[in-house]
């Protein structure tokens, strides 16, 4: 299986303005850094949860048709399937008629089931190409707990530079928190959205 992004998200779940408000920053000196942190943390969150947040388009390549002729589509929520193509042993491409398959976007992960016989005589590798659209939608559709996790992690990464913690907030554990793969408080917020492999 190979997975390749075609159209990345057009925005982030947390805007630059939202991040700056959370960090209590009014100048523009760190705009590039803050925007970069938002993107990096969102990418980490999507990888860890195995989800797409903002609407994006992906191409999934499979070597063969799964047993039971049921495709599991990664990176929920599955919004739509753009096309399914097959490649035969001489690399001739055929596009499957959408009436020939059923798309289940309600399940997590999403699924595709064929209503007819799958093509035969396919090449040995990357013989099935599925282009799909996934994500919660726009930024307003992304769950608030995911956004709060992104904001909290930005604050942790930014705290040593900007002294964002108030005098009554402990900074003694910052070094340790910035050494863990995901800060525990952030992980708690994202955990309900994590998709586990079956």
C-alpha atoms as a PDB file:
ATOM      1  CA  UNK A   1       0.000   0.000   0.000  1.00  0.00           C
ATOM      2  CA  UNK A   2       1.189   3.517  -0.834  1.00  0.00           C
ATOM      3  CA  UNK A   3      -0.485   6.738   0.187  1.00  0.00           C
ATOM      4  CA  UNK A   4       0.303  10.078  -1.460  1.00  0.00           C
ATOM      5  CA  UNK A   5      -1.255  13.478  -0.881  1.00  0.00           C
ATOM      6  CA  UNK A   6      -2.588  15.201  -4.001  1.00  0.00           C
ATOM      7  CA  UNK A   7      -4.214  18.353  -2.632  1.00  0.00           C
ATOM      8  CA  UNK A   8      -3.029  19.341   0.854  1.00  0.00           C
ATOM      9  CA  UNK A   9      -5.351  21.255   3.184  1.00  0.00           C
ATOM     10  CA  UNK A  10      -5.914  24.856   2.140  1.00  0.00           C
ATOM     11  CA  UNK A  11      -5.799  26.119   5.727  1.00  0.00           C
ATOM     12  CA  UNK A  12      -4.925  25.001   9.243  1.00  0.00           C
ATOM     13  CA  UNK A  13      -7.297  24.002  12.072  1.00  0.00           C
ATOM     14  CA  UNK A  14      -5.823  26.884  14.095  1.00  0.00           C
ATOM     15  CA  UNK A  15      -5.272  30.227  12.356  1.00  0.00           C
ATOM     16  CA  UNK A  16      -2.302  32.499  12.966  1.00  0.00           C
ATOM     17  CA  UNK A  17      -4.626  34.992  14.689  1.00  0.00           C
ATOM     18  CA  UNK A  18      -6.028  32.303  17.007  1.00  0.00           C
ATOM     19  CA  UNK A  19      -2.543  31.084  17.894  1.00  0.00           C
ATOM     20  CA  UNK A  20      -1.274  34.615  18.590  1.00  0.00           C
ATOM     21  CA  UNK A  21      -4.289  35.371  20.767  1.00  0.00           C
ATOM     22  CA  UNK A  22      -3.692  32.164  22.728  1.00  0.00           C
ATOM     23  CA  UNK A  23      -0.020  33.052  23.132  1.00  0.00           C
ATOM     24  CA  UNK A  24      -0.894  36.675  24.006  1.00  0.00           C
ATOM     25  CA  UNK A  25       1.367  38.012  21.268  1.00  0.00           C
ATOM     26  CA  UNK A  26       0.478  41.288  19.554  1.00  0.00           C
ATOM     27  CA  UNK A  27       3.523  42.020  17.374  1.00  0.00           C
ATOM     28  CA  UNK A  28       4.334  40.331  14.060  1.00  0.00           C
ATOM     29  CA  UNK A  29       7.936  39.364  14.827  1.00  0.00           C
ATOM     30  CA  UNK A  30       7.215  35.649  15.239  1.00  0.00           C
ATOM     31  CA  UNK A  31       4.420  35.168  12.678  1.00  0.00           C
ATOM     32  CA  UNK A  32       6.479  32.870  10.448  1.00  0.00           C
ATOM     33  CA  UNK A  33       7.594  30.750  13.406  1.00  0.00           C
ATOM     34  CA  UNK A  34       4.072  30.459  14.832  1.00  0.00           C
ATOM     35  CA  UNK A  35       2.608  29.502  11.438  1.00  0.00           C
ATOM     36  CA  UNK A  36       5.330  26.897  11.008  1.00  0.00           C
ATOM     37  CA  UNK A  37       4.630  25.439  14.459  1.00  0.00           C
ATOM     38  CA  UNK A  38       0.891  25.206  13.722  1.00  0.00           C
ATOM     39  CA  UNK A  39       1.580  23.288  10.505  1.00  0.00           C
ATOM     40  CA  UNK A  40       4.176  20.987  12.070  1.00  0.00           C
ATOM     41  CA  UNK A  41       1.971  20.137  15.053  1.00  0.00           C
ATOM     42  CA  UNK A  42      -1.073  19.575  12.843  1.00  0.00           C
ATOM     43  CA  UNK A  43       0.959  17.168  10.705  1.00  0.00           C
ATOM     44  CA  UNK A  44       2.146  15.335  13.831  1.00  0.00           C
ATOM     45  CA  UNK A  45      -1.433  15.191  15.130  1.00  0.00           C
ATOM     46  CA  UNK A  46      -2.747  13.794  11.850  1.00  0.00           C
ATOM     47  CA  UNK A  47      -0.016  11.141  11.783  1.00  0.00           C
ATOM     48  CA  UNK A  48      -0.630  10.147  15.400  1.00  0.00           C
ATOM     49  CA  UNK A  49      -4.426  10.053  15.145  1.00  0.00           C
ATOM     50  CA  UNK A  50      -4.307   8.570  11.608  1.00  0.00           C
ATOM     51  CA  UNK A  51      -6.826  11.167  10.441  1.00  0.00           C
ATOM     52  CA  UNK A  52      -7.166  14.085   8.066  1.00  0.00           C
ATOM     53  CA  UNK A  53      -8.376  17.270   9.751  1.00  0.00           C
ATOM     54  CA  UNK A  54      -9.011  19.916   7.077  1.00  0.00           C
ATOM     55  CA  UNK A  55     -10.400  18.636   3.742  1.00  0.00           C
ATOM     56  CA  UNK A  56      -7.611  17.191   1.566  1.00  0.00           C
ATOM     57  CA  UNK A  57      -7.262  14.832  -1.392  1.00  0.00           C
ATOM     58  CA  UNK A  58      -5.171  11.649  -1.313  1.00  0.00           C
ATOM     59  CA  UNK A  59      -4.267   8.843  -3.696  1.00  0.00           C
ATOM     60  CA  UNK A  60      -4.152   5.303  -2.339  1.00  0.00           C
ATOM     61  CA  UNK A  61      -2.257   2.652  -4.319  1.00  0.00           C
ATOM     62  CA  UNK A  62      -2.856  -1.055  -3.680  1.00  0.00           C
ATOM     63  CA  UNK A  63      -1.113  -4.091  -5.134  1.00  0.00           C
ATOM     64  CA  UNK A  64      -4.188  -6.280  -5.184  1.00  0.00           C
ATOM     65  CA  UNK A  65      -7.878  -6.472  -4.422  1.00  0.00           C
ATOM     66  CA  UNK A  66      -8.449  -7.303  -0.730  1.00  0.00           C
ATOM     67  CA  UNK A  67     -10.141 -10.498   0.332  1.00  0.00           C
ATOM     68  CA  UNK A  68     -13.889  -9.987   0.342  1.00  0.00           C
ATOM     69  CA  UNK A  69     -13.517  -7.167  -2.227  1.00  0.00           C
ATOM     70  CA  UNK A  70     -13.804  -4.549   0.508  1.00  0.00           C
ATOM     71  CA  UNK A  71     -11.389  -1.623   0.574  1.00  0.00           C
ATOM     72  CA  UNK A  72     -10.625   0.144   3.838  1.00  0.00           C
ATOM     73  CA  UNK A  73      -9.791   3.800   3.195  1.00  0.00           C
ATOM     74  CA  UNK A  74      -7.310   5.381   5.627  1.00  0.00           C
ATOM     75  CA  UNK A  75      -7.406   8.918   7.026  1.00  0.00           C
ATOM     76  CA  UNK A  76     -11.046   9.380   8.029  1.00  0.00           C
ATOM     77  CA  UNK A  77     -13.427  11.017   7.738  1.00  0.00           C
ATOM     78  CA  UNK A  78     -13.987   9.783   4.177  1.00  0.00           C
ATOM     79  CA  UNK A  79     -15.946  12.479   2.338  1.00  0.00           C
ATOM     80  CA  UNK A  80     -15.966  11.095  -1.195  1.00  0.00           C
ATOM     81  CA  UNK A  81     -14.193   8.934  -3.735  1.00  0.00           C
ATOM     82  CA  UNK A  82     -13.051  10.818  -6.847  1.00  0.00           C
ATOM     83  CA  UNK A  83     -12.213   7.711  -8.870  1.00  0.00           C
ATOM     84  CA  UNK A  84     -11.042   4.115  -8.777  1.00  0.00           C
ATOM     85  CA  UNK A  85      -8.671   3.028 -11.522  1.00  0.00           C
ATOM     86  CA  UNK A  86      -7.121  -0.334 -12.300  1.00  0.00           C
ATOM     87  CA  UNK A  87      -3.986  -1.133 -14.300  1.00  0.00           C
ATOM     88  CA  UNK A  88      -3.672  -4.389 -16.209  1.00  0.00           C
ATOM     89  CA  UNK A  89      -0.537  -6.395 -16.937  1.00  0.00           C
ATOM     90  CA  UNK A  90       0.365  -4.159 -19.900  1.00  0.00           C
ATOM     91  CA  UNK A  91      -0.308  -0.978 -17.861  1.00  0.00           C
ATOM     92  CA  UNK A  92      -3.569  -0.125 -19.589  1.00  0.00           C
ATOM     93  CA  UNK A  93      -5.679   1.965 -17.219  1.00  0.00           C
ATOM     94  CA  UNK A  94      -9.426   1.520 -16.723  1.00  0.00           C
ATOM     95  CA  UNK A  95     -11.666   3.779 -14.639  1.00  0.00           C
ATOM     96  CA  UNK A  96     -14.380   1.982 -12.720  1.00  0.00           C
ATOM     97  CA  UNK A  97     -17.921   3.250 -13.164  1.00  0.00           C
ATOM     98  CA  UNK A  98     -19.084   4.804  -9.838  1.00  0.00           C
ATOM     99  CA  UNK A  99     -22.340   2.848 -10.167  1.00  0.00           C
ATOM    100  CA  UNK A 100     -20.286  -0.331  -9.773  1.00  0.00           C
ATOM    101  CA  UNK A 101     -19.208   0.376  -6.183  1.00  0.00           C
ATOM    102  CA  UNK A 102     -20.621   1.608  -2.868  1.00  0.00           C
ATOM    103  CA  UNK A 103     -18.831   4.168  -0.720  1.00  0.00           C
ATOM    104  CA  UNK A 104     -19.334   3.935   3.042  1.00  0.00           C
ATOM    105  CA  UNK A 105     -18.294   7.280   4.538  1.00  0.00           C
ATOM    106  CA  UNK A 106     -20.091   6.644   7.827  1.00  0.00           C
ATOM    107  CA  UNK A 107     -17.667   3.973   9.049  1.00  0.00           C
ATOM    108  CA  UNK A 108     -14.271   4.786  10.552  1.00  0.00           C
ATOM    109  CA  UNK A 109     -12.240   4.117   8.557  1.00  0.00           C
ATOM    110  CA  UNK A 110     -14.346   4.542   5.425  1.00  0.00           C
ATOM    111  CA  UNK A 111     -14.922   1.607   3.101  1.00  0.00           C
ATOM    112  CA  UNK A 112     -15.587   0.827  -0.529  1.00  0.00           C
ATOM    113  CA  UNK A 113     -17.434  -2.303  -1.657  1.00  0.00           C
ATOM    114  CA  UNK A 114     -17.892  -3.373  -5.260  1.00  0.00           C
ATOM    115  CA  UNK A 115     -21.380  -4.160  -6.497  1.00  0.00           C
ATOM    116  CA  UNK A 116     -19.969  -6.147  -9.426  1.00  0.00           C
ATOM    117  CA  UNK A 117     -16.908  -8.217 -10.309  1.00  0.00           C
ATOM    118  CA  UNK A 118     -13.535  -6.517  -9.890  1.00  0.00           C
ATOM    119  CA  UNK A 119     -11.262  -6.248 -12.916  1.00  0.00           C
ATOM    120  CA  UNK A 120      -8.919  -9.195 -13.520  1.00  0.00           C
ATOM    121  CA  UNK A 121      -5.509  -9.610 -15.151  1.00  0.00           C
ATOM    122  CA  UNK A 122      -4.022  -6.783 -13.118  1.00  0.00           C
ATOM    123  CA  UNK A 123      -0.324  -5.952 -12.863  1.00  0.00           C
ATOM    124  CA  UNK A 124       1.539  -7.209  -9.791  1.00  0.00           C
ATOM    125  CA  UNK A 125       2.175  -3.887  -7.996  1.00  0.00           C
ATOM    126  CA  UNK A 126       0.189  -0.659  -7.672  1.00  0.00           C
ATOM    127  CA  UNK A 127      -2.610  -2.160  -9.726  1.00  0.00           C
ATOM    128  CA  UNK A 128      -5.433  -0.246  -7.976  1.00  0.00           C
ATOM    129  CA  UNK A 129      -5.504   3.553  -7.683  1.00  0.00           C
ATOM    130  CA  UNK A 130      -8.126   5.154  -5.431  1.00  0.00           C
ATOM    131  CA  UNK A 131      -8.345   8.923  -5.203  1.00  0.00           C
ATOM    132  CA  UNK A 132     -10.383  10.126  -2.239  1.00  0.00           C
ATOM    133  CA  UNK A 133     -11.248  13.255  -0.275  1.00  0.00           C
ATOM    134  CA  UNK A 134     -11.010  13.120   3.511  1.00  0.00           C
ATOM    135  CA  UNK A 135     -11.212  15.340   6.565  1.00  0.00           C
ATOM    136  CA  UNK A 136     -13.682  16.899   8.997  1.00  0.00           C
ATOM    137  CA  UNK A 137     -14.243  19.816   6.587  1.00  0.00           C
ATOM    138  CA  UNK A 138     -13.054  23.377   7.103  1.00  0.00           C
ATOM    139  CA  UNK A 139     -11.439  24.696  10.293  1.00  0.00           C
ATOM    140  CA  UNK A 140     -14.806  25.275  11.964  1.00  0.00           C
ATOM    141  CA  UNK A 141     -15.576  21.542  11.615  1.00  0.00           C
ATOM    142  CA  UNK A 142     -12.423  20.331  13.383  1.00  0.00           C
ATOM    143  CA  UNK A 143     -13.226  19.273  16.978  1.00  0.00           C
ATOM    144  CA  UNK A 144     -12.264  21.827  19.609  1.00  0.00           C
ATOM    145  CA  UNK A 145     -10.194  19.318  21.589  1.00  0.00           C
ATOM    146  CA  UNK A 146      -7.915  18.799  18.568  1.00  0.00           C
ATOM    147  CA  UNK A 147      -7.464  22.566  18.251  1.00  0.00           C
ATOM    148  CA  UNK A 148      -6.786  22.953  21.968  1.00  0.00           C
ATOM    149  CA  UNK A 149      -4.121  20.253  21.786  1.00  0.00           C
ATOM    150  CA  UNK A 150      -2.397  22.126  18.959  1.00  0.00           C
ATOM    151  CA  UNK A 151      -2.528  25.392  20.920  1.00  0.00           C
ATOM    152  CA  UNK A 152      -1.218  23.823  24.122  1.00  0.00           C
ATOM    153  CA  UNK A 153       1.714  22.240  22.319  1.00  0.00           C
ATOM    154  CA  UNK A 154       2.569  25.541  20.608  1.00  0.00           C
ATOM    155  CA  UNK A 155       2.644  27.204  24.016  1.00  0.00           C
ATOM    156  CA  UNK A 156       5.010  24.553  25.361  1.00  0.00           C
ATOM    157  CA  UNK A 157       7.361  24.889  22.394  1.00  0.00           C
ATOM    158  CA  UNK A 158       7.232  28.661  22.510  1.00  0.00           C
ATOM    159  CA  UNK A 159       7.408  29.107  26.295  1.00  0.00           C
ATOM    160  CA  UNK A 160      11.188  29.084  26.735  1.00  0.00           C
ATOM    161  CA  UNK A 161      11.578  31.787  24.100  1.00  0.00           C
ATOM    162  CA  UNK A 162       8.753  34.106  25.110  1.00  0.00           C
ATOM    163  CA  UNK A 163       8.220  33.451  28.831  1.00  0.00           C
ATOM    164  CA  UNK A 164       4.534  32.812  28.208  1.00  0.00           C
ATOM    165  CA  UNK A 165       3.867  31.143  31.517  1.00  0.00           C
ATOM    166  CA  UNK A 166       2.630  33.395  34.273  1.00  0.00           C
ATOM    167  CA  UNK A 167       4.575  33.707  37.507  1.00  0.00           C
ATOM    168  CA  UNK A 168       2.338  31.154  39.213  1.00  0.00           C
ATOM    169  CA  UNK A 169       2.808  28.594  36.428  1.00  0.00           C
ATOM    170  CA  UNK A 170       5.678  26.138  36.740  1.00  0.00           C
ATOM    171  CA  UNK A 171       8.391  26.227  34.099  1.00  0.00           C
ATOM    172  CA  UNK A 172      10.539  23.600  35.787  1.00  0.00           C
ATOM    173  CA  UNK A 173       9.042  20.754  33.743  1.00  0.00           C
ATOM    174  CA  UNK A 174       9.243  22.458  30.344  1.00  0.00           C
ATOM    175  CA  UNK A 175      12.497  20.825  29.380  1.00  0.00           C
ATOM    176  CA  UNK A 176      11.128  17.360  30.125  1.00  0.00           C
ATOM    177  CA  UNK A 177       7.800  18.056  28.364  1.00  0.00           C
ATOM    178  CA  UNK A 178       9.640  19.142  25.228  1.00  0.00           C
ATOM    179  CA  UNK A 179      11.549  15.825  25.182  1.00  0.00           C
ATOM    180  CA  UNK A 180       8.489  13.552  24.978  1.00  0.00           C
ATOM    181  CA  UNK A 181       7.029  12.649  21.555  1.00  0.00           C
ATOM    182  CA  UNK A 182       3.676  14.202  22.485  1.00  0.00           C
ATOM    183  CA  UNK A 183       3.049  16.118  25.734  1.00  0.00           C
ATOM    184  CA  UNK A 184       0.713  14.094  28.013  1.00  0.00           C
ATOM    185  CA  UNK A 185      -1.933  16.833  28.280  1.00  0.00           C
ATOM    186  CA  UNK A 186      -2.041  17.106  24.481  1.00  0.00           C
ATOM    187  CA  UNK A 187      -2.260  13.330  24.091  1.00  0.00           C
ATOM    188  CA  UNK A 188      -5.269  13.222  26.420  1.00  0.00           C
ATOM    189  CA  UNK A 189      -7.075  15.719  24.188  1.00  0.00           C
ATOM    190  CA  UNK A 190      -6.282  13.856  20.962  1.00  0.00           C
ATOM    191  CA  UNK A 191      -6.747  10.290  22.220  1.00  0.00           C
ATOM    192  CA  UNK A 192     -10.531  10.058  21.509  1.00  0.00           C
ATOM    193  CA  UNK A 193      -9.838  10.762  17.817  1.00  0.00           C
ATOM    194  CA  UNK A 194      -7.083   8.202  17.360  1.00  0.00           C
ATOM    195  CA  UNK A 195      -7.819   5.488  14.806  1.00  0.00           C
ATOM    196  CA  UNK A 196      -6.189   2.156  15.580  1.00  0.00           C
ATOM    197  CA  UNK A 197      -5.145  -0.302  12.900  1.00  0.00           C
ATOM    198  CA  UNK A 198      -7.184  -3.488  12.819  1.00  0.00           C
END
